[in-house]
Full PDB file with SEQRES, HELIX, SHEET, SSBOND, CRYST1, ORIGX, SCALE, CONECT and MASTER records, all heavy atoms in Angstrom:
SEQRES   1 A   32  THR ARG GLU GLU ALA LEU THR ILE ASP PHE LEU LEU PRO          
SEQRES   2 A   32  LYS TRP GLN ARG THR LEU ASP ASP GLY LEU PRO LEU VAL          
SEQRES   3 A   32  ARG PHE ALA ALA ALA ASP                                      
HELIX    1 AA1 ARG A    2  ASP A   20  1                                  19    
CRYST1    1.000    1.000    1.000  90.00  90.00  90.00 P 1           1          
ORIGX1      1.000000  0.000000  0.000000        0.00000                         
ORIGX2      0.000000  1.000000  0.000000        0.00000                         
ORIGX3      0.000000  0.000000  1.000000        0.00000                         
SCALE1      1.000000  0.000000  0.000000        0.00000                         
SCALE2      0.000000  1.000000  0.000000        0.00000                         
SCALE3      0.000000  0.000000  1.000000        0.00000                         
ATOM      1  N   THR A   1      -9.627  -1.206   1.438  1.00  0.00           N  
ATOM      2  CA  THR A   1     -10.508  -1.505   2.624  1.00  0.00           C  
ATOM      3  C   THR A   1      -9.597  -1.987   3.802  1.00  0.00           C  
ATOM      4  O   THR A   1      -8.459  -2.172   3.714  1.00  0.00           O  
ATOM      5  CB  THR A   1     -11.448  -2.499   2.348  1.00  0.00           C  
ATOM      6  OG1 THR A   1     -10.777  -3.810   1.964  1.00  0.00           O  
ATOM      7  CG2 THR A   1     -12.303  -2.187   1.131  1.00  0.00           C  
ATOM      8  N   ARG A   2     -10.268  -2.170   5.027  1.00  0.00           N  
ATOM      9  CA  ARG A   2      -9.478  -2.742   6.024  1.00  0.00           C  
ATOM     10  C   ARG A   2      -8.784  -3.921   5.871  1.00  0.00           C  
ATOM     11  O   ARG A   2      -7.629  -4.163   6.068  1.00  0.00           O  
ATOM     12  CB  ARG A   2     -10.434  -2.786   7.354  1.00  0.00           C  
ATOM     13  CG  ARG A   2      -9.769  -3.217   8.576  1.00  0.00           C  
ATOM     14  CD  ARG A   2     -10.651  -3.323   9.706  1.00  0.00           C  
ATOM     15  NE  ARG A   2     -10.051  -3.536  11.051  1.00  0.00           N  
ATOM     16  CZ  ARG A   2      -9.694  -4.701  11.535  1.00  0.00           C  
ATOM     17  NH1 ARG A   2     -10.038  -5.863  10.869  1.00  0.00           N  
ATOM     18  NH2 ARG A   2      -9.002  -4.752  12.570  1.00  0.00           N  
ATOM     19  N   GLU A   3      -9.538  -4.824   5.266  1.00  0.00           N  
ATOM     20  CA  GLU A   3      -8.884  -6.208   4.983  1.00  0.00           C  
ATOM     21  C   GLU A   3      -7.803  -6.010   4.067  1.00  0.00           C  
ATOM     22  O   GLU A   3      -6.751  -6.679   4.176  1.00  0.00           O  
ATOM     23  CB  GLU A   3     -10.005  -7.121   4.342  1.00  0.00           C  
ATOM     24  CG  GLU A   3      -9.515  -8.488   4.059  1.00  0.00           C  
ATOM     25  CD  GLU A   3     -10.591  -9.483   3.598  1.00  0.00           C  
ATOM     26  OE1 GLU A   3     -11.835  -9.164   3.735  1.00  0.00           O  
ATOM     27  OE2 GLU A   3     -10.279 -10.491   3.065  1.00  0.00           O  
ATOM     28  N   GLU A   4      -7.968  -5.262   3.025  1.00  0.00           N  
ATOM     29  CA  GLU A   4      -6.883  -5.068   2.024  1.00  0.00           C  
ATOM     30  C   GLU A   4      -5.756  -4.378   2.646  1.00  0.00           C  
ATOM     31  O   GLU A   4      -4.483  -4.787   2.371  1.00  0.00           O  
ATOM     32  CB  GLU A   4      -7.420  -4.209   0.787  1.00  0.00           C  
ATOM     33  CG  GLU A   4      -8.390  -4.981  -0.074  1.00  0.00           C  
ATOM     34  CD  GLU A   4      -9.187  -4.148  -0.960  1.00  0.00           C  
ATOM     35  OE1 GLU A   4      -9.229  -2.871  -0.771  1.00  0.00           O  
ATOM     36  OE2 GLU A   4      -9.770  -4.553  -1.946  1.00  0.00           O  
ATOM     37  N   ALA A   5      -5.961  -3.302   3.508  1.00  0.00           N  
ATOM     38  CA  ALA A   5      -4.819  -2.627   4.142  1.00  0.00           C  
ATOM     39  C   ALA A   5      -4.099  -3.568   4.970  1.00  0.00           C  
ATOM     40  O   ALA A   5      -2.842  -3.415   5.129  1.00  0.00           O  
ATOM     41  CB  ALA A   5      -5.392  -1.384   4.908  1.00  0.00           C  
ATOM     42  N   LEU A   6      -4.749  -4.484   5.685  1.00  0.00           N  
ATOM     43  CA  LEU A   6      -3.950  -5.280   6.660  1.00  0.00           C  
ATOM     44  C   LEU A   6      -3.206  -6.322   5.859  1.00  0.00           C  
ATOM     45  O   LEU A   6      -2.093  -6.553   6.332  1.00  0.00           O  
ATOM     46  CB  LEU A   6      -5.050  -6.054   7.537  1.00  0.00           C  
ATOM     47  CG  LEU A   6      -5.732  -5.121   8.566  1.00  0.00           C  
ATOM     48  CD1 LEU A   6      -6.812  -5.973   9.293  1.00  0.00           C  
ATOM     49  CD2 LEU A   6      -4.861  -4.633   9.626  1.00  0.00           C  
ATOM     50  N   THR A   7      -3.672  -6.724   4.747  1.00  0.00           N  
ATOM     51  CA  THR A   7      -2.899  -7.644   3.939  1.00  0.00           C  
ATOM     52  C   THR A   7      -1.618  -6.907   3.507  1.00  0.00           C  
ATOM     53  O   THR A   7      -0.579  -7.454   3.396  1.00  0.00           O  
ATOM     54  CB  THR A   7      -3.782  -8.168   2.771  1.00  0.00           C  
ATOM     55  OG1 THR A   7      -4.887  -8.884   3.237  1.00  0.00           O  
ATOM     56  CG2 THR A   7      -2.862  -9.074   1.887  1.00  0.00           C  
ATOM     57  N   ILE A   8      -1.790  -5.727   3.009  1.00  0.00           N  
ATOM     58  CA  ILE A   8      -0.727  -4.863   2.486  1.00  0.00           C  
ATOM     59  C   ILE A   8       0.309  -4.675   3.612  1.00  0.00           C  
ATOM     60  O   ILE A   8       1.609  -4.790   3.408  1.00  0.00           O  
ATOM     61  CB  ILE A   8      -1.132  -3.569   1.904  1.00  0.00           C  
ATOM     62  CG1 ILE A   8      -2.034  -3.852   0.562  1.00  0.00           C  
ATOM     63  CG2 ILE A   8      -0.001  -2.710   1.421  1.00  0.00           C  
ATOM     64  CD1 ILE A   8      -2.837  -2.701   0.112  1.00  0.00           C  
ATOM     65  N   ASP A   9      -0.131  -4.319   4.743  1.00  0.00           N  
ATOM     66  CA  ASP A   9       0.830  -4.021   5.936  1.00  0.00           C  
ATOM     67  C   ASP A   9       1.581  -5.304   6.118  1.00  0.00           C  
ATOM     68  O   ASP A   9       2.798  -5.302   6.579  1.00  0.00           O  
ATOM     69  CB  ASP A   9      -0.023  -3.671   7.223  1.00  0.00           C  
ATOM     70  CG  ASP A   9      -0.560  -2.275   7.077  1.00  0.00           C  
ATOM     71  OD1 ASP A   9      -0.204  -1.556   6.181  1.00  0.00           O  
ATOM     72  OD2 ASP A   9      -1.273  -1.853   7.875  1.00  0.00           O  
ATOM     73  N   PHE A  10       0.972  -6.453   6.121  1.00  0.00           N  
ATOM     74  CA  PHE A  10       1.668  -7.777   6.376  1.00  0.00           C  
ATOM     75  C   PHE A  10       2.636  -8.025   5.331  1.00  0.00           C  
ATOM     76  O   PHE A  10       3.817  -8.573   5.563  1.00  0.00           O  
ATOM     77  CB  PHE A  10       0.637  -8.857   6.471  1.00  0.00           C  
ATOM     78  CG  PHE A  10       1.182 -10.170   6.544  1.00  0.00           C  
ATOM     79  CD1 PHE A  10       1.690 -10.677   7.789  1.00  0.00           C  
ATOM     80  CD2 PHE A  10       1.267 -11.050   5.423  1.00  0.00           C  
ATOM     81  CE1 PHE A  10       2.200 -12.048   7.827  1.00  0.00           C  
ATOM     82  CE2 PHE A  10       1.795 -12.301   5.522  1.00  0.00           C  
ATOM     83  CZ  PHE A  10       2.339 -12.892   6.756  1.00  0.00           C  
ATOM     84  N   LEU A  11       2.431  -7.738   4.086  1.00  0.00           N  
ATOM     85  CA  LEU A  11       3.295  -8.009   2.972  1.00  0.00           C  
ATOM     86  C   LEU A  11       4.489  -6.920   2.769  1.00  0.00           C  
ATOM     87  O   LEU A  11       5.394  -7.371   2.227  1.00  0.00           O  
ATOM     88  CB  LEU A  11       2.511  -8.007   1.659  1.00  0.00           C  
ATOM     89  CG  LEU A  11       1.511  -9.271   1.591  1.00  0.00           C  
ATOM     90  CD1 LEU A  11       0.696  -9.218   0.347  1.00  0.00           C  
ATOM     91  CD2 LEU A  11       2.373 -10.691   1.529  1.00  0.00           C  
ATOM     92  N   LEU A  12       4.266  -5.741   3.268  1.00  0.00           N  
ATOM     93  CA  LEU A  12       5.140  -4.735   3.029  1.00  0.00           C  
ATOM     94  C   LEU A  12       6.731  -5.115   3.353  1.00  0.00           C  
ATOM     95  O   LEU A  12       7.592  -4.861   2.629  1.00  0.00           O  
ATOM     96  CB  LEU A  12       4.864  -3.419   3.720  1.00  0.00           C  
ATOM     97  CG  LEU A  12       3.756  -2.609   3.008  1.00  0.00           C  
ATOM     98  CD1 LEU A  12       3.441  -1.311   3.823  1.00  0.00           C  
ATOM     99  CD2 LEU A  12       4.326  -2.049   1.600  1.00  0.00           C  
ATOM    100  N   PRO A  13       6.835  -5.639   4.575  1.00  0.00           N  
ATOM    101  CA  PRO A  13       8.208  -5.919   4.938  1.00  0.00           C  
ATOM    102  C   PRO A  13       8.907  -7.053   4.113  1.00  0.00           C  
ATOM    103  O   PRO A  13      10.014  -6.977   3.667  1.00  0.00           O  
ATOM    104  CB  PRO A  13       8.114  -6.388   6.404  1.00  0.00           C  
ATOM    105  CG  PRO A  13       6.788  -5.886   6.889  1.00  0.00           C  
ATOM    106  CD  PRO A  13       5.952  -5.744   5.827  1.00  0.00           C  
ATOM    107  N   LYS A  14       8.107  -8.097   3.792  1.00  0.00           N  
ATOM    108  CA  LYS A  14       8.584  -9.129   2.942  1.00  0.00           C  
ATOM    109  C   LYS A  14       8.927  -8.521   1.450  1.00  0.00           C  
ATOM    110  O   LYS A  14       9.908  -8.843   0.935  1.00  0.00           O  
ATOM    111  CB  LYS A  14       7.577 -10.147   2.684  1.00  0.00           C  
ATOM    112  CG  LYS A  14       7.833 -11.333   1.826  1.00  0.00           C  
ATOM    113  CD  LYS A  14       6.776 -12.321   1.642  1.00  0.00           C  
ATOM    114  CE  LYS A  14       7.155 -13.455   0.606  1.00  0.00           C  
ATOM    115  NZ  LYS A  14       6.124 -14.364   0.525  1.00  0.00           N  
ATOM    116  N   TRP A  15       8.068  -7.699   0.994  1.00  0.00           N  
ATOM    117  CA  TRP A  15       8.288  -7.073  -0.373  1.00  0.00           C  
ATOM    118  C   TRP A  15       9.658  -6.385  -0.393  1.00  0.00           C  
ATOM    119  O   TRP A  15      10.405  -6.396  -1.329  1.00  0.00           O  
ATOM    120  CB  TRP A  15       7.132  -6.222  -0.711  1.00  0.00           C  
ATOM    121  CG  TRP A  15       5.865  -7.028  -1.130  1.00  0.00           C  
ATOM    122  CD1 TRP A  15       5.765  -8.253  -1.409  1.00  0.00           C  
ATOM    123  CD2 TRP A  15       4.584  -6.337  -1.304  1.00  0.00           C  
ATOM    124  NE1 TRP A  15       4.361  -8.534  -1.756  1.00  0.00           N  
ATOM    125  CE2 TRP A  15       3.667  -7.425  -1.761  1.00  0.00           C  
ATOM    126  CE3 TRP A  15       4.052  -5.067  -1.235  1.00  0.00           C  
ATOM    127  CZ2 TRP A  15       2.348  -7.185  -2.043  1.00  0.00           C  
ATOM    128  CZ3 TRP A  15       2.763  -4.889  -1.565  1.00  0.00           C  
ATOM    129  CH2 TRP A  15       1.853  -5.886  -1.859  1.00  0.00           C  
ATOM    130  N   GLN A  16       9.812  -5.570   0.634  1.00  0.00           N  
ATOM    131  CA  GLN A  16      10.998  -4.668   0.704  1.00  0.00           C  
ATOM    132  C   GLN A  16      12.233  -5.410   0.904  1.00  0.00           C  
ATOM    133  O   GLN A  16      13.229  -5.095   0.405  1.00  0.00           O  
ATOM    134  CB  GLN A  16      10.789  -3.655   1.755  1.00  0.00           C  
ATOM    135  CG  GLN A  16       9.592  -2.648   1.367  1.00  0.00           C  
ATOM    136  CD  GLN A  16       9.270  -1.603   2.331  1.00  0.00           C  
ATOM    137  OE1 GLN A  16       9.794  -0.431   2.253  1.00  0.00           O  
ATOM    138  NE2 GLN A  16       8.625  -1.905   3.455  1.00  0.00           N  
ATOM    139  N   ARG A  17      12.279  -6.562   1.736  1.00  0.00           N  
ATOM    140  CA  ARG A  17      13.406  -7.254   1.962  1.00  0.00           C  
ATOM    141  C   ARG A  17      13.766  -8.022   0.515  1.00  0.00           C  
ATOM    142  O   ARG A  17      14.996  -8.149   0.243  1.00  0.00           O  
ATOM    143  CB  ARG A  17      13.132  -8.389   2.936  1.00  0.00           C  
ATOM    144  CG  ARG A  17      13.044  -7.969   4.380  1.00  0.00           C  
ATOM    145  CD  ARG A  17      13.212  -9.121   5.400  1.00  0.00           C  
ATOM    146  NE  ARG A  17      12.121  -9.951   5.206  1.00  0.00           N  
ATOM    147  CZ  ARG A  17      10.944 -10.025   5.877  1.00  0.00           C  
ATOM    148  NH1 ARG A  17      10.818  -8.975   6.828  1.00  0.00           N  
ATOM    149  NH2 ARG A  17      10.056 -10.865   5.831  1.00  0.00           N  
ATOM    150  N   THR A  18      12.764  -8.478  -0.134  1.00  0.00           N  
ATOM    151  CA  THR A  18      12.962  -9.029  -1.403  1.00  0.00           C  
ATOM    152  C   THR A  18      13.641  -8.124  -2.492  1.00  0.00           C  
ATOM    153  O   THR A  18      14.694  -8.380  -3.088  1.00  0.00           O  
ATOM    154  CB  THR A  18      11.693  -9.526  -2.092  1.00  0.00           C  
ATOM    155  OG1 THR A  18      11.207 -10.566  -1.192  1.00  0.00           O  
ATOM    156  CG2 THR A  18      12.022 -10.164  -3.532  1.00  0.00           C  
ATOM    157  N   LEU A  19      13.198  -6.878  -2.338  1.00  0.00           N  
ATOM    158  CA  LEU A  19      13.896  -5.787  -3.315  1.00  0.00           C  
ATOM    159  C   LEU A  19      15.154  -5.473  -2.895  1.00  0.00           C  
ATOM    160  O   LEU A  19      16.105  -5.194  -3.632  1.00  0.00           O  
ATOM    161  CB  LEU A  19      12.968  -4.551  -3.315  1.00  0.00           C  
ATOM    162  CG  LEU A  19      11.678  -4.732  -4.087  1.00  0.00           C  
ATOM    163  CD1 LEU A  19      10.746  -3.525  -3.936  1.00  0.00           C  
ATOM    164  CD2 LEU A  19      11.887  -5.090  -5.601  1.00  0.00           C  
ATOM    165  N   ASP A  20      15.298  -5.441  -1.488  1.00  0.00           N  
ATOM    166  CA  ASP A  20      16.741  -5.203  -0.981  1.00  0.00           C  
ATOM    167  C   ASP A  20      17.773  -6.198  -1.361  1.00  0.00           C  
ATOM    168  O   ASP A  20      18.938  -5.873  -1.502  1.00  0.00           O  
ATOM    169  CB  ASP A  20      16.627  -5.084   0.568  1.00  0.00           C  
ATOM    170  CG  ASP A  20      16.007  -3.837   1.092  1.00  0.00           C  
ATOM    171  OD1 ASP A  20      15.896  -2.895   0.395  1.00  0.00           O  
ATOM    172  OD2 ASP A  20      15.610  -3.762   2.330  1.00  0.00           O  
ATOM    173  N   ASP A  21      17.269  -7.497  -1.558  1.00  0.00           N  
ATOM    174  CA  ASP A  21      18.179  -8.508  -2.023  1.00  0.00           C  
ATOM    175  C   ASP A  21      18.311  -8.558  -3.475  1.00  0.00           C  
ATOM    176  O   ASP A  21      19.076  -9.468  -3.958  1.00  0.00           O  
ATOM    177  CB  ASP A  21      17.549  -9.865  -1.546  1.00  0.00           C  
ATOM    178  CG  ASP A  21      17.629 -10.157  -0.001  1.00  0.00           C  
ATOM    179  OD1 ASP A  21      18.388  -9.395   0.675  1.00  0.00           O  
ATOM    180  OD2 ASP A  21      16.774 -10.994   0.520  1.00  0.00           O  
ATOM    181  N   GLY A  22      17.818  -7.607  -4.104  1.00  0.00           N  
ATOM    182  CA  GLY A  22      18.021  -7.540  -5.641  1.00  0.00           C  
ATOM    183  C   GLY A  22      17.170  -8.511  -6.376  1.00  0.00           C  
ATOM    184  O   GLY A  22      17.580  -8.787  -7.555  1.00  0.00           O  
ATOM    185  N   LEU A  23      16.102  -8.972  -5.721  1.00  0.00           N  
ATOM    186  CA  LEU A  23      15.252  -9.985  -6.433  1.00  0.00           C  
ATOM    187  C   LEU A  23      13.903  -9.354  -6.780  1.00  0.00           C  
ATOM    188  O   LEU A  23      13.544  -8.434  -6.199  1.00  0.00           O  
ATOM    189  CB  LEU A  23      15.083 -11.250  -5.557  1.00  0.00           C  
ATOM    190  CG  LEU A  23      16.465 -11.902  -5.123  1.00  0.00           C  
ATOM    191  CD1 LEU A  23      15.966 -13.088  -4.094  1.00  0.00           C  
ATOM    192  CD2 LEU A  23      17.040 -12.574  -6.352  1.00  0.00           C  
ATOM    193  N   PRO A  24      13.348  -9.911  -7.783  1.00  0.00           N  
ATOM    194  CA  PRO A  24      12.035  -9.291  -8.162  1.00  0.00           C  
ATOM    195  C   PRO A  24      10.927  -9.735  -7.293  1.00  0.00           C  
ATOM    196  O   PRO A  24      10.857 -10.795  -6.664  1.00  0.00           O  
ATOM    197  CB  PRO A  24      11.781  -9.825  -9.622  1.00  0.00           C  
ATOM    198  CG  PRO A  24      12.498 -11.202  -9.473  1.00  0.00           C  
ATOM    199  CD  PRO A  24      13.679 -11.019  -8.739  1.00  0.00           C  
ATOM    200  N   LEU A  25       9.768  -8.972  -7.152  1.00  0.00           N  
ATOM    201  CA  LEU A  25       8.592  -9.244  -6.436  1.00  0.00           C  
ATOM    202  C   LEU A  25       7.827 -10.183  -7.394  1.00  0.00           C  
ATOM    203  O   LEU A  25       7.559  -9.693  -8.504  1.00  0.00           O  
ATOM    204  CB  LEU A  25       7.885  -8.093  -5.941  1.00  0.00           C  
ATOM    205  CG  LEU A  25       8.367  -7.136  -4.917  1.00  0.00           C  
ATOM    206  CD1 LEU A  25       7.396  -6.038  -4.610  1.00  0.00           C  
ATOM    207  CD2 LEU A  25       8.920  -7.932  -3.834  1.00  0.00           C  
ATOM    208  N   VAL A  26       7.391 -11.174  -6.815  1.00  0.00           N  
ATOM    209  CA  VAL A  26       6.419 -12.010  -7.637  1.00  0.00           C  
ATOM    210  C   VAL A  26       4.923 -11.852  -7.439  1.00  0.00           C  
ATOM    211  O   VAL A  26       4.486 -11.742  -6.221  1.00  0.00           O  
ATOM    212  CB  VAL A  26       6.759 -13.522  -7.180  1.00  0.00           C  
ATOM    213  CG1 VAL A  26       5.821 -14.526  -8.065  1.00  0.00           C  
ATOM    214  CG2 VAL A  26       8.283 -13.911  -7.682  1.00  0.00           C  
ATOM    215  N   ARG A  27       4.252 -11.702  -8.534  1.00  0.00           N  
ATOM    216  CA  ARG A  27       2.777 -11.615  -8.428  1.00  0.00           C  
ATOM    217  C   ARG A  27       2.235 -12.657  -9.080  1.00  0.00           C  
ATOM    218  O   ARG A  27       2.555 -13.234 -10.283  1.00  0.00           O  
ATOM    219  CB  ARG A  27       2.302 -10.389  -9.247  1.00  0.00           C  
ATOM    220  CG  ARG A  27       0.907 -10.136  -9.216  1.00  0.00           C  
ATOM    221  CD  ARG A  27       0.385  -8.846  -9.908  1.00  0.00           C  
ATOM    222  NE  ARG A  27       0.592  -9.008 -11.392  1.00  0.00           N  
ATOM    223  CZ  ARG A  27      -0.383  -9.404 -12.181  1.00  0.00           C  
ATOM    224  NH1 ARG A  27      -1.607  -9.751 -11.718  1.00  0.00           N  
ATOM    225  NH2 ARG A  27      -0.185  -9.476 -13.469  1.00  0.00           N  
ATOM    226  N   PHE A  28       1.368 -13.488  -8.385  1.00  0.00           N  
ATOM    227  CA  PHE A  28       0.692 -14.623  -8.961  1.00  0.00           C  
ATOM    228  C   PHE A  28      -0.635 -14.303  -9.633  1.00  0.00           C  
ATOM    229  O   PHE A  28      -1.439 -13.482  -9.018  1.00  0.00           O  
ATOM    230  CB  PHE A  28       0.404 -15.612  -7.931  1.00  0.00           C  
ATOM    231  CG  PHE A  28       1.766 -16.374  -7.339  1.00  0.00           C  
ATOM    232  CD1 PHE A  28       2.296 -15.859  -6.056  1.00  0.00           C  
ATOM    233  CD2 PHE A  28       2.362 -17.314  -8.200  1.00  0.00           C  
ATOM    234  CE1 PHE A  28       3.409 -16.481  -5.556  1.00  0.00           C  
ATOM    235  CE2 PHE A  28       3.610 -17.852  -7.594  1.00  0.00           C  
ATOM    236  CZ  PHE A  28       4.081 -17.356  -6.346  1.00  0.00           C  
ATOM    237  N   ALA A  29      -0.890 -14.971 -10.666  1.00  0.00           N  
ATOM    238  CA  ALA A  29      -2.194 -14.753 -11.369  1.00  0.00           C  
ATOM    239  C   ALA A  29      -2.699 -16.045 -11.919  1.00  0.00           C  
ATOM    240  O   ALA A  29      -1.862 -16.953 -12.277  1.00  0.00           O  
ATOM    241  CB  ALA A  29      -2.154 -13.751 -12.458  1.00  0.00           C  
ATOM    242  N   ALA A  30      -3.979 -16.255 -11.908  1.00  0.00           N  
ATOM    243  CA  ALA A  30      -4.551 -17.478 -12.469  1.00  0.00           C  
ATOM    244  C   ALA A  30      -4.702 -17.227 -13.994  1.00  0.00           C  
ATOM    245  O   ALA A  30      -5.303 -16.282 -14.467  1.00  0.00           O  
ATOM    246  CB  ALA A  30      -5.815 -17.970 -11.831  1.00  0.00           C  
ATOM    247  N   ALA A  31      -4.544 -18.223 -14.838  1.00  0.00           N  
ATOM    248  CA  ALA A  31      -4.621 -18.112 -16.181  1.00  0.00           C  
ATOM    249  C   ALA A  31      -6.131 -18.000 -16.623  1.00  0.00           C  
ATOM    250  O   ALA A  31      -6.562 -17.400 -17.667  1.00  0.00           O  
ATOM    251  CB  ALA A  31      -4.022 -19.215 -16.976  1.00  0.00           C  
ATOM    252  N   ASP A  32      -6.999 -18.719 -15.797  1.00  0.00           N  
ATOM    253  CA  ASP A  32      -8.484 -18.576 -16.120  1.00  0.00           C  
ATOM    254  C   ASP A  32      -9.173 -18.802 -14.833  1.00  0.00           C  
ATOM    255  O   ASP A  32      -8.599 -19.193 -13.729  1.00  0.00           O  
ATOM    256  CB  ASP A  32      -8.780 -19.681 -17.095  1.00  0.00           C  
ATOM    257  CG  ASP A  32     -10.015 -19.270 -17.871  1.00  0.00           C  
ATOM    258  OD1 ASP A  32     -10.753 -18.301 -17.549  1.00  0.00           O  
ATOM    259  OD2 ASP A  32     -10.263 -19.909 -18.872  1.00  0.00           O  
TER     260      ASP A  32                                                      
MASTER        0    0    0    1    0    0    0    6  259    1    0    3          
END                                                                             
């Protein structure tokens, strides 16, 4: 959706810089 796409667009540069630095992308999840 629009909201999801805007969030992804915002995160894409950060995600790619992290991978360029040889570090893993972190995904947060709640245990419950």
